Protein backbone atom coordinates (compact mmCIF):
# COMPACT_ATOMS: atom_id res chain seq x y z
CA UNK A 1 89.03 57.71 -48.89
CA UNK A 2 91.83 60.49 -49.44
CA UNK A 3 90.81 63.60 -47.59
CA UNK A 4 90.15 66.67 -49.70
CA UNK A 5 93.20 69.31 -49.45
CA UNK A 6 92.31 72.32 -50.77
CA UNK A 7 95.98 73.76 -50.95
CA UNK A 8 96.60 70.72 -53.48
CA UNK A 9 93.74 71.75 -55.39
CA UNK A 10 95.54 75.62 -55.57
CA UNK A 11 98.73 74.09 -56.50
CA UNK A 12 97.69 72.06 -59.27
CA UNK A 13 96.21 75.16 -61.26
CA UNK A 14 98.41 76.33 -64.12
CA UNK A 15 97.73 79.21 -66.31
CA UNK A 16 99.56 80.57 -69.07
CA UNK A 17 99.25 84.30 -69.95
CA UNK A 18 98.50 85.66 -73.24
CA UNK A 19 102.07 85.88 -74.19
CA UNK A 20 103.51 82.82 -72.29
CA UNK A 21 103.87 84.44 -68.94
CA UNK A 22 103.84 82.48 -65.94
CA UNK A 23 101.26 84.82 -64.47
CA UNK A 24 97.75 85.14 -66.53
CA UNK A 25 97.35 88.61 -68.46
CA UNK A 26 95.26 90.89 -66.89
CA UNK A 27 92.28 91.87 -69.18
CA UNK A 28 92.09 95.73 -68.36
CA UNK A 29 88.97 96.48 -70.52
CA UNK A 30 85.74 97.12 -69.39
CA UNK A 31 84.37 96.01 -72.99
CA UNK A 32 85.27 93.83 -75.69
CA UNK A 33 85.20 94.03 -79.55
CA UNK A 34 83.69 91.33 -81.70
CA UNK A 35 84.40 90.59 -85.57
CA UNK A 36 80.41 89.93 -86.09
CA UNK A 37 77.28 91.30 -84.67
CA UNK A 38 75.90 87.54 -84.17
CA UNK A 39 78.54 86.62 -81.81
CA UNK A 40 77.99 89.65 -79.90
CA UNK A 41 74.31 88.51 -79.39
CA UNK A 42 75.18 85.20 -78.57
CA UNK A 43 77.78 86.32 -75.97
CA UNK A 44 74.88 88.27 -74.44
CA UNK A 45 72.73 85.63 -74.48
CA UNK A 46 75.38 83.31 -72.75
CA UNK A 47 75.72 80.94 -75.61
CA UNK A 48 79.46 81.82 -76.83
CA UNK A 49 81.79 80.27 -74.39
CA UNK A 50 84.88 81.97 -74.32
CA UNK A 51 84.03 85.14 -75.68
CA UNK A 52 83.63 88.50 -73.40
CA UNK A 53 81.11 91.17 -73.59
CA UNK A 54 81.35 93.59 -70.90
CA UNK A 55 83.48 93.27 -67.56
CA UNK A 56 80.13 93.42 -65.23
CA UNK A 57 79.31 90.07 -66.89
CA UNK A 58 82.55 88.70 -66.76
CA UNK A 59 86.30 89.14 -67.55
CA UNK A 60 89.44 86.86 -68.18
CA UNK A 61 90.81 87.55 -64.70
CA UNK A 62 87.60 87.11 -63.07
CA UNK A 63 87.31 83.98 -64.32
CA UNK A 64 90.75 82.91 -63.54
CA UNK A 65 90.09 83.65 -59.79
CA UNK A 66 86.60 82.10 -59.92
CA UNK A 67 87.93 78.74 -61.15
CA UNK A 68 90.96 78.90 -58.68
CA UNK A 69 88.63 79.57 -55.66
CA UNK A 70 85.99 77.01 -56.71
CA UNK A 71 88.90 74.28 -56.70
CA UNK A 72 89.85 75.38 -53.27
CA UNK A 73 86.57 74.98 -51.79
CA UNK A 74 85.64 71.84 -53.88
CA UNK A 75 82.50 73.47 -55.95
CA UNK A 76 81.98 73.25 -59.54
CA UNK A 77 81.89 77.09 -59.98
CA UNK A 78 82.33 80.32 -58.00
CA UNK A 79 81.82 84.14 -58.77
CA UNK A 80 83.87 86.82 -57.38
CA UNK A 81 82.80 90.14 -56.47
CA UNK A 82 83.89 93.71 -55.45
CA UNK A 83 83.41 92.94 -51.38
CA UNK A 84 82.50 90.24 -49.10
CA UNK A 85 79.32 91.79 -48.72
CA UNK A 86 78.86 91.97 -52.35
CA UNK A 87 78.89 88.04 -52.16
CA UNK A 88 76.65 87.72 -49.14
CA UNK A 89 73.95 89.92 -50.05
CA UNK A 90 73.12 88.69 -53.98
CA UNK A 91 73.66 85.36 -52.58
CA UNK A 92 70.56 85.58 -50.17
CA UNK A 93 68.40 87.59 -52.45
CA UNK A 94 68.86 85.06 -55.12
CA UNK A 95 67.84 82.31 -52.67
CA UNK A 96 64.89 84.37 -51.08
CA UNK A 97 61.74 86.02 -52.26
CA UNK A 98 59.18 88.10 -50.88
CA UNK A 99 57.33 85.95 -47.98
CA UNK A 100 60.50 83.57 -47.57
CA UNK A 101 62.51 83.20 -44.13
CA UNK A 102 66.16 82.79 -43.30
CA UNK A 103 67.31 81.15 -40.03
CA UNK A 104 70.63 82.64 -39.18
CA UNK A 105 73.46 82.29 -36.62
CA UNK A 106 72.93 85.13 -34.01
CA UNK A 107 76.78 85.79 -33.83
CA UNK A 108 77.75 86.76 -37.43
CA UNK A 109 79.72 89.53 -39.05
CA UNK A 110 77.84 92.77 -38.28
CA UNK A 111 77.37 93.79 -41.75
CA UNK A 112 75.37 90.46 -42.35
CA UNK A 113 73.49 91.02 -39.30
CA UNK A 114 72.39 94.51 -40.35
CA UNK A 115 71.28 93.14 -43.75
CA UNK A 116 69.36 90.23 -42.28
CA UNK A 117 67.66 92.15 -39.68
CA UNK A 118 67.15 95.66 -41.02
CA UNK A 119 67.48 95.64 -44.99
CA UNK A 120 65.79 92.38 -46.06
CA UNK A 121 62.44 92.93 -44.25
CA UNK A 122 61.83 95.81 -46.94
CA UNK A 123 61.39 92.64 -49.36
CA UNK A 124 59.23 90.69 -46.97
CA UNK A 125 62.19 88.50 -46.07
CA UNK A 126 62.25 87.51 -42.44
CA UNK A 127 65.12 86.36 -40.40
CA UNK A 128 65.16 84.25 -37.05
CA UNK A 129 68.38 84.52 -35.27
CA UNK A 130 69.22 81.66 -33.11
CA UNK A 131 72.21 80.19 -30.83
CA UNK A 132 73.79 78.15 -34.13
CA UNK A 133 75.60 75.90 -31.54
CA UNK A 134 72.16 74.53 -30.07
CA UNK A 135 70.59 72.48 -32.86
CA UNK A 136 67.30 71.97 -31.01
CA UNK A 137 66.72 75.60 -31.25
CA UNK A 138 67.97 75.84 -35.17
CA UNK A 139 65.34 73.18 -35.84
CA UNK A 140 62.50 74.90 -33.84
CA UNK A 141 63.11 78.14 -35.50
CA UNK A 142 62.63 76.61 -39.13
CA UNK A 143 59.00 77.21 -40.47
CA UNK A 144 57.16 76.30 -43.80
CA UNK A 145 58.58 79.53 -45.43
CA UNK A 146 62.25 78.85 -44.43
CA UNK A 147 64.58 78.96 -47.47
CA UNK A 148 67.85 79.33 -46.01
CA UNK A 149 70.13 78.07 -43.15
CA UNK A 150 73.17 80.72 -42.57
CA UNK A 151 76.17 80.53 -40.38
CA UNK A 152 79.83 81.27 -40.17
CA UNK A 153 82.14 78.24 -39.62
CA UNK A 154 83.81 80.29 -36.92
CA UNK A 155 81.53 82.93 -35.79
CA UNK A 156 82.63 86.98 -35.81
CA UNK A 157 83.48 87.67 -33.15
CA UNK A 158 82.81 85.23 -30.53
CA UNK A 159 84.40 82.31 -32.23
CA UNK A 160 81.58 79.92 -31.70
CA UNK A 161 82.09 76.72 -33.94
CA UNK A 162 78.94 75.61 -36.40
CA UNK A 163 78.60 72.12 -36.49
CA UNK A 164 78.39 72.27 -40.46
CA UNK A 165 77.71 68.14 -40.93
CA UNK A 166 74.63 68.43 -38.65
CA UNK A 167 73.11 71.48 -39.82
CA UNK A 168 73.73 70.14 -43.49
CA UNK A 169 71.59 67.20 -42.20
CA UNK A 170 68.81 69.42 -40.72
CA UNK A 171 68.92 71.57 -43.91
CA UNK A 172 68.62 68.57 -46.37
CA UNK A 173 65.67 67.23 -44.10
CA UNK A 174 63.71 70.50 -44.48
CA UNK A 175 65.05 71.14 -48.14
CA UNK A 176 66.85 74.45 -47.24
CA UNK A 177 70.13 75.64 -48.59
CA UNK A 178 73.01 75.46 -45.97
CA UNK A 179 75.17 78.68 -46.64
CA UNK A 180 78.44 78.95 -44.74
CA UNK A 181 80.55 81.93 -44.61
CA UNK A 182 84.18 80.59 -44.29
CA UNK A 183 86.17 83.54 -44.08
CA UNK A 184 87.90 82.86 -40.60
CA UNK A 185 88.85 79.43 -41.66
CA UNK A 186 90.22 78.88 -45.24
CA UNK A 187 91.84 75.45 -46.14
CA UNK A 188 91.38 74.65 -42.37
CA UNK A 189 87.44 73.72 -43.06
CA UNK A 190 86.03 72.63 -46.30
CA UNK A 191 82.15 73.24 -45.71
CA UNK A 192 81.23 71.43 -49.13
CA UNK A 193 82.92 68.10 -48.16
CA UNK A 194 80.72 68.50 -44.64
CA UNK A 195 77.50 68.84 -46.60
CA UNK A 196 77.32 72.77 -47.08
CA UNK A 197 75.66 73.98 -50.15
CA UNK A 198 77.10 77.35 -50.72
CA UNK A 199 80.49 78.66 -49.23
CA UNK A 200 81.13 82.51 -49.13
CA UNK A 201 84.48 84.17 -48.32
CA UNK A 202 85.43 87.79 -47.81
CA UNK A 203 88.76 87.71 -49.93
CA UNK A 204 89.68 91.05 -48.19
CA UNK A 205 90.89 89.06 -45.26
CA UNK A 206 92.96 85.77 -45.19
CA UNK A 207 92.88 85.11 -49.16
CA UNK A 208 94.27 88.28 -50.00
CA UNK A 209 96.25 88.75 -46.90
CA UNK A 210 97.77 92.09 -47.42
CA UNK A 211 95.09 94.45 -46.26
CA UNK A 212 95.31 96.13 -49.72
CA UNK A 213 92.01 94.70 -51.56
CA UNK A 214 88.32 94.60 -51.06
CA UNK A 215 86.66 91.30 -52.64
CA UNK A 216 84.32 88.48 -51.87
CA UNK A 217 83.18 85.21 -53.44
CA UNK A 218 80.26 82.80 -53.70
CA UNK A 219 81.29 79.33 -54.46
CA UNK A 220 78.71 76.84 -55.31
CA UNK A 221 77.13 74.66 -58.10
CA UNK A 222 77.20 75.69 -61.72
CA UNK A 223 73.64 75.73 -61.68
CA UNK A 224 73.62 78.45 -58.83
CA UNK A 225 76.36 80.48 -59.89
CA UNK A 226 74.82 80.82 -63.57
CA UNK A 227 71.58 82.03 -61.67
CA UNK A 228 73.60 84.55 -59.91
CA UNK A 229 75.09 85.91 -63.23
CA UNK A 230 71.78 85.52 -65.24
CA UNK A 231 71.22 88.67 -67.41
CA UNK A 232 67.77 88.84 -66.60
CA UNK A 233 67.18 87.71 -63.02
CA UNK A 234 70.78 87.33 -61.56
CA UNK A 235 71.25 89.29 -58.23
CA UNK A 236 75.02 89.52 -58.98
CA UNK A 237 74.51 90.77 -62.51
CA UNK A 238 71.75 93.10 -61.64
CA UNK A 239 73.12 94.62 -58.54
CA UNK A 240 76.59 94.96 -60.09
CA UNK A 241 79.11 94.41 -57.42
CA UNK A 242 81.68 93.32 -60.08
CA UNK A 243 85.36 92.82 -58.94
CA UNK A 244 87.95 94.88 -60.86
CA UNK A 245 90.17 92.77 -62.72
CA UNK A 246 93.40 94.51 -61.34
CA UNK A 247 92.16 93.62 -58.29
CA UNK A 248 91.49 89.68 -59.11
CA UNK A 249 95.02 89.61 -60.62
CA UNK A 250 96.27 90.71 -57.07
CA UNK A 251 94.44 88.19 -55.13
CA UNK A 252 95.05 85.48 -57.67
CA UNK A 253 98.79 86.01 -56.66
CA UNK A 254 98.38 85.97 -53.24
CA UNK A 255 96.24 83.25 -52.96
CA UNK A 256 99.56 81.02 -53.86
CA UNK A 257 100.90 81.59 -50.74
CA UNK A 258 97.72 81.31 -48.48
CA UNK A 259 98.99 77.75 -47.28
CA UNK A 260 102.09 79.01 -45.94
CA UNK A 261 100.29 81.88 -44.26
CA UNK A 262 97.57 80.04 -42.65
CA UNK A 263 100.05 77.76 -40.98
CA UNK A 264 101.80 80.33 -39.39
CA UNK A 265 98.79 82.48 -38.39
CA UNK A 266 97.68 79.22 -36.61
CA UNK A 267 100.81 78.22 -35.03
CA UNK A 268 101.33 81.93 -33.33
CA UNK A 269 97.74 82.16 -32.46
CA UNK A 270 97.87 78.87 -30.78
CA UNK A 271 101.04 79.83 -28.95
CA UNK A 272 99.45 83.15 -27.66
CA UNK A 273 96.21 81.70 -26.64
CA UNK A 274 97.89 78.76 -24.61
CA UNK A 275 100.31 81.43 -22.99
CA UNK A 276 97.58 83.85 -21.96
CA UNK A 277 95.35 81.24 -20.80
CA UNK A 278 98.11 79.83 -18.45
CA UNK A 279 98.57 83.22 -17.39
CA UNK A 280 95.06 83.28 -15.90
CA UNK A 281 93.10 85.37 -18.86
CA UNK A 282 90.05 85.02 -20.23
CA UNK A 283 91.12 83.72 -23.77
CA UNK A 284 88.63 82.31 -26.44
CA UNK A 285 90.39 80.31 -28.97
CA UNK A 286 89.37 77.09 -30.87
CA UNK A 287 92.58 75.32 -30.30
CA UNK A 288 92.24 75.49 -26.63
CA UNK A 289 90.52 72.33 -24.79
CA UNK A 290 88.71 74.91 -22.75
CA UNK A 291 86.87 75.94 -25.90
CA UNK A 292 83.44 74.49 -25.72
CA UNK A 293 83.50 73.32 -29.32
CA UNK A 294 87.26 72.23 -29.33
CA UNK A 295 86.59 68.53 -30.03
CA UNK A 296 84.02 69.25 -32.81
CA UNK A 297 86.24 71.79 -34.36
CA UNK A 298 89.24 69.42 -34.23
CA UNK A 299 87.38 66.77 -36.00
CA UNK A 300 86.37 69.22 -38.74
CA UNK A 301 89.83 70.94 -39.66
CA UNK A 302 92.53 69.76 -41.79
CA UNK A 303 95.15 69.80 -38.96
CA UNK A 304 98.06 70.71 -41.40
CA UNK A 305 96.49 74.38 -41.10
CA UNK A 306 95.46 74.62 -37.35
CA UNK A 307 92.58 76.33 -35.51
CA UNK A 308 93.09 79.76 -37.36
CA UNK A 309 94.46 82.99 -36.43
CA UNK A 310 91.64 84.58 -34.45
CA UNK A 311 91.15 84.66 -30.81
CA UNK A 312 89.78 86.93 -27.99
CA UNK A 313 90.64 88.30 -24.84
CA UNK A 314 88.49 90.05 -22.28
CA UNK A 315 90.03 92.87 -20.95
CA UNK A 316 86.88 93.43 -18.35
CA UNK A 317 85.71 96.84 -19.76
CA UNK A 318 85.84 98.96 -22.92
CA UNK A 319 88.21 101.55 -21.28
CA UNK A 320 90.47 98.92 -20.33
CA UNK A 321 90.38 97.39 -23.63
CA UNK A 322 90.98 100.66 -25.81
CA UNK A 323 94.15 101.59 -23.25
CA UNK A 324 95.64 98.10 -23.85
CA UNK A 325 95.09 98.35 -27.70
CA UNK A 326 96.32 101.77 -27.94
CA UNK A 327 99.43 100.96 -25.88
CA UNK A 328 100.22 97.70 -28.04
CA UNK A 329 99.80 99.75 -31.30
CA UNK A 330 102.53 102.34 -29.52
CA UNK A 331 104.68 99.37 -28.94
CA UNK A 332 104.57 98.23 -32.52
CA UNK A 333 102.71 94.87 -31.61
CA UNK A 334 100.28 95.43 -34.44
CA UNK A 335 97.63 97.78 -35.45
CA UNK A 336 94.24 99.06 -33.68
CA UNK A 337 92.16 98.27 -36.92
CA UNK A 338 89.44 96.33 -38.09
CA UNK A 339 89.78 93.36 -40.26
CA UNK A 340 92.13 90.22 -40.23
CA UNK A 341 94.39 88.43 -41.97
CA UNK A 342 97.25 90.81 -42.35
CA UNK A 343 100.73 90.01 -41.64
CA UNK A 344 100.95 92.19 -38.85
CA UNK A 345 98.40 91.69 -35.79
CA UNK A 346 95.26 93.58 -35.79
CA UNK A 347 93.13 94.29 -32.79
CA UNK A 348 89.73 95.91 -32.07
CA UNK A 349 86.87 95.98 -29.73
CA UNK A 350 83.98 94.42 -31.75
CA UNK A 351 81.25 95.53 -29.69
CA UNK A 352 82.06 99.19 -30.86
CA UNK A 353 83.47 98.38 -34.41
CA UNK A 354 82.66 95.27 -36.58
CA UNK A 355 79.72 94.53 -34.27
CA UNK A 356 78.26 97.76 -33.69
CA UNK A 357 75.29 97.15 -36.00
CA UNK A 358 73.96 94.76 -33.26
CA UNK A 359 72.06 96.48 -30.72
CA UNK A 360 73.44 96.44 -27.08
CA UNK A 361 71.08 94.56 -25.35
CA UNK A 362 71.41 91.64 -28.17
CA UNK A 363 75.03 92.05 -27.64
CA UNK A 364 74.84 91.22 -23.91
CA UNK A 365 72.52 88.48 -24.58
CA UNK A 366 74.69 86.42 -27.04
CA UNK A 367 78.12 87.21 -24.54
CA UNK A 368 79.67 89.95 -26.34
CA UNK A 369 81.06 92.12 -23.67
CA UNK A 370 82.50 95.55 -23.97
CA UNK A 371 85.69 94.70 -22.82
CA UNK A 372 86.34 91.88 -25.58
CA UNK A 373 89.22 92.32 -27.87
CA UNK A 374 89.28 90.51 -31.12
CA UNK A 375 92.92 89.46 -32.27
CA UNK A 376 93.74 88.48 -35.79
CA UNK A 377 97.18 87.31 -35.07
CA UNK A 378 99.94 88.05 -37.51
CA UNK A 379 103.02 86.29 -39.04
CA UNK A 380 105.60 87.15 -36.39
CA UNK A 381 108.60 85.23 -36.75
CA UNK A 382 109.67 85.41 -32.85
CA UNK A 383 106.23 84.71 -31.32
CA UNK A 384 107.92 84.38 -28.00
CA UNK A 385 109.16 87.87 -28.03
CA UNK A 386 105.60 88.92 -29.14
CA UNK A 387 104.15 87.23 -26.10
CA UNK A 388 106.49 88.88 -23.83
CA UNK A 389 106.06 92.30 -25.18
CA UNK A 390 102.13 91.98 -25.04
CA UNK A 391 102.34 90.76 -21.51
CA UNK A 392 104.39 93.61 -20.48
CA UNK A 393 101.51 95.88 -21.88
CA UNK A 394 98.78 93.92 -19.76
CA UNK A 395 100.88 94.00 -16.90
CA UNK A 396 101.34 97.69 -17.05
CA UNK A 397 97.70 98.12 -17.27
CA UNK A 398 96.67 95.85 -14.86
CA UNK A 399 94.83 93.45 -17.38
CA UNK A 400 97.14 90.64 -15.89
């Protein structure tokens, strides 16, 4: 059986603009006109395919991007949103009602953690956080009220790897929906082919790749996407995290180079991780044999796109981590900034930034030390020069 290659699906997409342009025309309208009142009614009820009513419901630009991202993830359909959290929160609220239960990985994006820990209990939805790499703990946390099993392919920020195929088996045995945030590993991993039910991305990161747009997407069956967009009961429709058409068009253009960018991100990260580990630093990167899930991840990925562009280095303590990041920024090696997937390297101390929503005692329990630096490795052409410059910074501050 031929292995699913998501980049081929993107390559095969071909749209023509309204006037024959090689880029789809951007629908820069919030509302649409009708020649008859009957067609307006049918469109509102969802019974007039190809007609548009109001851009919170759908727009041509958003539907172009929906189709492209569904093809990339191998799902029937997709729904883009105004942010990654604008995809995650409606998806979970659509799947769960009062009295329901979620089993989630304990190491996930801080915003998702805060939503499940602090916000959904207001609606009677409880969450148990577990070490997703220990499947016995996952099974033990499932109750008769559990509806969702939630994880990230590669966790933020500890880079733990979820065994999606085995988690999918557990989910099916207990009649749960397996929801996977695949933000860190587009193209490298195809969660649907491993048994996941729903795949989420923050488009802000690798898929857009230029740190100029915030967006998200939920990729799933047409049945589930239609439920999200239902005018009477759809969480995406009623909460309103709609993506702007101009932003959709921008992401669509950048998506075409994702395969090239992911290869370079992965190559550069692997190069630096191997070098710094050899130098004696405590490096976490799934491409290293020292990573506890290296063999698992190697079996999951499409090797053409490598092990991804994310790695961590432990500088020992927060003051040293901050000094190092400030010096690297001063030396033009990247930016002291959150997010990832940019052409320049981005670095941050997640304990005091993207994971700060997680209480300190829980950070310590999961192994998130205050000296941990998360790197999103950029697209540098001469990665050896980058390595030498980073090493000089580390030597100057006694990190190495």
